Amino acid sequence: MFEYKSQEELYEGLMPALNTRMKYLKRNKIKDITKEDIWNYLKETKWKNSIDLTLADMVQDILHTDSSEIISYKQKEKKNIFN
């Protein structure tokens, strides 16, 4: 089993799934969301307290998390920056 040495390395390992999700969002006219937004949303919400999360679980979450959840997260984060 391969283990990632850092979050940056894991992020790079998940890049194919993140790119696929970005293509899906763009096809559906959602242009404000970035790969970093998807990553941060999942890292700070779904994966925050997860134990024994597999790469397959993470790819599944990237590809299948409801887009509206990511959009709402980004809007809340944007508000937090300005408060």
N, C-alpha and C. Protein backbone atom coordinates (compact mmCIF):
# COMPACT_ATOMS: atom_id res chain seq x y z
N MET A 1 0.84 -1.18 0.00
CA MET A 1 0.00 0.00 0.00
C MET A 1 0.89 1.25 0.00
N PHE A 2 0.56 2.20 -0.84
CA PHE A 2 1.33 3.43 -0.96
C PHE A 2 0.85 4.44 0.06
N GLU A 3 1.78 5.10 0.73
CA GLU A 3 1.42 6.14 1.69
C GLU A 3 1.99 7.47 1.22
N TYR A 4 1.17 8.50 1.31
CA TYR A 4 1.60 9.84 0.93
C TYR A 4 2.32 10.48 2.11
N LYS A 5 3.38 11.19 1.81
CA LYS A 5 4.21 11.79 2.85
C LYS A 5 3.72 13.17 3.28
N SER A 6 2.87 13.79 2.47
CA SER A 6 2.38 15.13 2.80
C SER A 6 1.02 15.35 2.15
N GLN A 7 0.33 16.39 2.61
CA GLN A 7 -0.94 16.74 1.98
C GLN A 7 -0.73 17.18 0.54
N GLU A 8 0.38 17.85 0.29
CA GLU A 8 0.67 18.30 -1.07
C GLU A 8 0.83 17.11 -2.01
N GLU A 9 1.51 16.07 -1.53
CA GLU A 9 1.71 14.87 -2.33
C GLU A 9 0.36 14.17 -2.57
N LEU A 10 -0.47 14.12 -1.55
CA LEU A 10 -1.80 13.52 -1.69
C LEU A 10 -2.64 14.32 -2.68
N TYR A 11 -2.59 15.64 -2.56
CA TYR A 11 -3.31 16.53 -3.48
C TYR A 11 -2.89 16.23 -4.92
N GLU A 12 -1.59 16.12 -5.15
CA GLU A 12 -1.09 15.81 -6.50
C GLU A 12 -1.57 14.43 -6.96
N GLY A 13 -1.61 13.49 -6.03
CA GLY A 13 -2.09 12.14 -6.36
C GLY A 13 -3.56 12.11 -6.74
N LEU A 14 -4.32 13.05 -6.19
CA LEU A 14 -5.76 13.13 -6.47
C LEU A 14 -6.07 14.04 -7.66
N MET A 15 -5.05 14.62 -8.28
CA MET A 15 -5.24 15.57 -9.37
C MET A 15 -6.09 15.00 -10.53
N PRO A 16 -5.91 13.75 -10.95
CA PRO A 16 -6.77 13.25 -12.03
C PRO A 16 -8.26 13.31 -11.68
N ALA A 17 -8.61 12.97 -10.45
CA ALA A 17 -10.02 13.04 -10.03
C ALA A 17 -10.48 14.49 -9.95
N LEU A 18 -9.64 15.35 -9.43
CA LEU A 18 -9.98 16.78 -9.34
C LEU A 18 -10.17 17.38 -10.74
N ASN A 19 -9.30 17.01 -11.68
CA ASN A 19 -9.44 17.50 -13.06
C ASN A 19 -10.73 17.00 -13.70
N THR A 20 -11.07 15.75 -13.45
CA THR A 20 -12.31 15.19 -13.98
C THR A 20 -13.51 15.94 -13.42
N ARG A 21 -13.48 16.23 -12.12
CA ARG A 21 -14.58 16.95 -11.50
C ARG A 21 -14.69 18.37 -12.05
N MET A 22 -13.56 19.01 -12.30
CA MET A 22 -13.57 20.35 -12.87
C MET A 22 -14.20 20.35 -14.26
N LYS A 23 -13.89 19.35 -15.06
CA LYS A 23 -14.49 19.25 -16.40
C LYS A 23 -16.01 19.11 -16.28
N TYR A 24 -16.46 18.31 -15.32
CA TYR A 24 -17.90 18.13 -15.09
C TYR A 24 -18.55 19.46 -14.71
N LEU A 25 -17.92 20.19 -13.79
CA LEU A 25 -18.48 21.47 -13.35
C LEU A 25 -18.55 22.46 -14.51
N LYS A 26 -17.50 22.54 -15.29
CA LYS A 26 -17.49 23.47 -16.43
C LYS A 26 -18.55 23.11 -17.46
N ARG A 27 -18.73 21.82 -17.70
CA ARG A 27 -19.80 21.38 -18.62
C ARG A 27 -21.17 21.80 -18.12
N ASN A 28 -21.30 21.91 -16.81
CA ASN A 28 -22.57 22.29 -16.20
C ASN A 28 -22.61 23.77 -15.84
N LYS A 29 -21.75 24.55 -16.48
CA LYS A 29 -21.73 26.01 -16.36
C LYS A 29 -21.42 26.52 -14.96
N ILE A 30 -20.68 25.74 -14.18
CA ILE A 30 -20.24 26.16 -12.86
C ILE A 30 -18.77 26.51 -12.99
N LYS A 31 -18.48 27.81 -13.04
CA LYS A 31 -17.13 28.25 -13.35
C LYS A 31 -16.39 28.84 -12.16
N ASP A 32 -17.08 29.12 -11.09
CA ASP A 32 -16.45 29.79 -9.94
C ASP A 32 -15.67 28.84 -9.03
N ILE A 33 -15.86 27.56 -9.20
CA ILE A 33 -15.24 26.58 -8.31
C ILE A 33 -13.90 26.13 -8.89
N THR A 34 -12.89 26.07 -8.02
CA THR A 34 -11.56 25.62 -8.44
C THR A 34 -11.27 24.23 -7.84
N LYS A 35 -10.19 23.63 -8.30
CA LYS A 35 -9.75 22.36 -7.72
C LYS A 35 -9.45 22.55 -6.23
N GLU A 36 -8.88 23.70 -5.90
CA GLU A 36 -8.56 23.98 -4.50
C GLU A 36 -9.82 24.10 -3.65
N ASP A 37 -10.89 24.64 -4.23
CA ASP A 37 -12.16 24.73 -3.50
C ASP A 37 -12.70 23.34 -3.18
N ILE A 38 -12.65 22.46 -4.17
CA ILE A 38 -13.12 21.08 -3.97
C ILE A 38 -12.28 20.41 -2.89
N TRP A 39 -10.97 20.51 -3.03
CA TRP A 39 -10.03 19.93 -2.07
C TRP A 39 -10.29 20.47 -0.66
N ASN A 40 -10.36 21.79 -0.52
CA ASN A 40 -10.56 22.39 0.80
C ASN A 40 -11.90 22.01 1.40
N TYR A 41 -12.94 22.00 0.59
CA TYR A 41 -14.26 21.60 1.09
C TYR A 41 -14.21 20.19 1.68
N LEU A 42 -13.69 19.25 0.90
CA LEU A 42 -13.66 17.87 1.37
C LEU A 42 -12.73 17.69 2.56
N LYS A 43 -11.58 18.34 2.51
CA LYS A 43 -10.60 18.24 3.59
C LYS A 43 -11.16 18.79 4.90
N GLU A 44 -11.88 19.89 4.81
CA GLU A 44 -12.35 20.57 6.01
C GLU A 44 -13.73 20.10 6.49
N THR A 45 -14.43 19.33 5.68
CA THR A 45 -15.75 18.86 6.10
C THR A 45 -15.81 17.33 6.12
N LYS A 46 -15.88 16.72 4.98
CA LYS A 46 -16.07 15.26 4.91
C LYS A 46 -14.91 14.45 5.46
N TRP A 47 -13.69 14.90 5.22
CA TRP A 47 -12.53 14.10 5.61
C TRP A 47 -11.94 14.49 6.95
N LYS A 48 -12.40 15.56 7.53
CA LYS A 48 -11.77 16.13 8.73
C LYS A 48 -11.59 15.11 9.86
N ASN A 49 -12.62 14.35 10.15
CA ASN A 49 -12.57 13.40 11.27
C ASN A 49 -12.57 11.95 10.80
N SER A 50 -12.23 11.73 9.55
CA SER A 50 -12.24 10.37 9.00
C SER A 50 -11.02 9.59 9.46
N ILE A 51 -11.26 8.32 9.66
CA ILE A 51 -10.20 7.40 10.05
C ILE A 51 -10.11 6.32 8.97
N ASP A 52 -8.90 5.98 8.59
CA ASP A 52 -8.65 4.94 7.59
C ASP A 52 -9.32 5.25 6.25
N LEU A 53 -9.29 6.48 5.85
CA LEU A 53 -9.84 6.89 4.57
C LEU A 53 -8.93 6.38 3.46
N THR A 54 -9.50 5.70 2.49
CA THR A 54 -8.70 5.17 1.39
C THR A 54 -8.68 6.16 0.23
N LEU A 55 -7.73 5.98 -0.65
CA LEU A 55 -7.65 6.80 -1.84
C LEU A 55 -8.93 6.64 -2.67
N ALA A 56 -9.44 5.43 -2.74
CA ALA A 56 -10.68 5.17 -3.47
C ALA A 56 -11.85 5.95 -2.85
N ASP A 57 -11.91 6.03 -1.52
CA ASP A 57 -12.95 6.81 -0.85
C ASP A 57 -12.85 8.28 -1.22
N MET A 58 -11.62 8.77 -1.26
CA MET A 58 -11.40 10.18 -1.56
C MET A 58 -11.79 10.49 -3.01
N VAL A 59 -11.41 9.62 -3.92
CA VAL A 59 -11.78 9.80 -5.33
C VAL A 59 -13.30 9.78 -5.46
N GLN A 60 -13.94 8.85 -4.79
CA GLN A 60 -15.41 8.76 -4.80
C GLN A 60 -16.03 10.07 -4.33
N ASP A 61 -15.52 10.62 -3.24
CA ASP A 61 -16.04 11.89 -2.71
C ASP A 61 -15.82 13.03 -3.70
N ILE A 62 -14.65 13.09 -4.30
CA ILE A 62 -14.36 14.14 -5.28
C ILE A 62 -15.35 14.09 -6.43
N LEU A 63 -15.59 12.90 -6.93
CA LEU A 63 -16.43 12.75 -8.12
C LEU A 63 -17.93 12.85 -7.84
N HIS A 64 -18.34 12.57 -6.60
CA HIS A 64 -19.77 12.45 -6.35
C HIS A 64 -20.37 13.38 -5.30
N THR A 65 -19.57 14.24 -4.69
CA THR A 65 -20.13 15.20 -3.75
C THR A 65 -21.03 16.17 -4.50
N ASP A 66 -22.15 16.48 -3.92
CA ASP A 66 -23.12 17.38 -4.54
C ASP A 66 -22.46 18.74 -4.78
N SER A 67 -22.54 19.22 -6.00
CA SER A 67 -21.92 20.50 -6.37
C SER A 67 -22.45 21.65 -5.52
N SER A 68 -23.72 21.60 -5.15
CA SER A 68 -24.30 22.69 -4.35
C SER A 68 -23.63 22.79 -2.98
N GLU A 69 -23.16 21.67 -2.43
CA GLU A 69 -22.46 21.69 -1.15
C GLU A 69 -21.13 22.44 -1.29
N ILE A 70 -20.43 22.21 -2.39
CA ILE A 70 -19.16 22.88 -2.62
C ILE A 70 -19.38 24.37 -2.85
N ILE A 71 -20.41 24.72 -3.60
CA ILE A 71 -20.74 26.11 -3.87
C ILE A 71 -21.08 26.82 -2.57
N SER A 72 -21.90 26.21 -1.73
CA SER A 72 -22.27 26.80 -0.44
C SER A 72 -21.04 27.00 0.44
N TYR A 73 -20.16 26.02 0.46
CA TYR A 73 -18.92 26.12 1.23
C TYR A 73 -18.10 27.31 0.76
N LYS A 74 -17.94 27.45 -0.54
CA LYS A 74 -17.14 28.55 -1.08
C LYS A 74 -17.77 29.90 -0.72
N GLN A 75 -19.08 29.99 -0.80
CA GLN A 75 -19.76 31.25 -0.46
C GLN A 75 -19.55 31.59 1.01
N LYS A 76 -19.62 30.61 1.89
CA LYS A 76 -19.39 30.85 3.32
C LYS A 76 -17.95 31.26 3.57
N GLU A 77 -17.01 30.61 2.91
CA GLU A 77 -15.60 30.97 3.07
C GLU A 77 -15.33 32.39 2.59
N LYS A 78 -15.97 32.76 1.51
CA LYS A 78 -15.80 34.11 0.97
C LYS A 78 -16.31 35.15 1.96
N LYS A 79 -17.44 34.87 2.60
CA LYS A 79 -18.00 35.78 3.61
C LYS A 79 -17.07 35.89 4.80
N ASN A 80 -16.48 34.75 5.22
CA ASN A 80 -15.57 34.74 6.37
C ASN A 80 -14.34 35.61 6.12
N ILE A 81 -13.88 35.66 4.89
CA ILE A 81 -12.71 36.46 4.55
C ILE A 81 -13.01 37.94 4.76
N PHE A 82 -14.23 38.35 4.46
CA PHE A 82 -14.58 39.76 4.52
C PHE A 82 -15.15 40.20 5.86
N ASN A 83 -15.30 39.28 6.78
CA ASN A 83 -15.82 39.62 8.13
C ASN A 83 -14.72 39.74 9.13
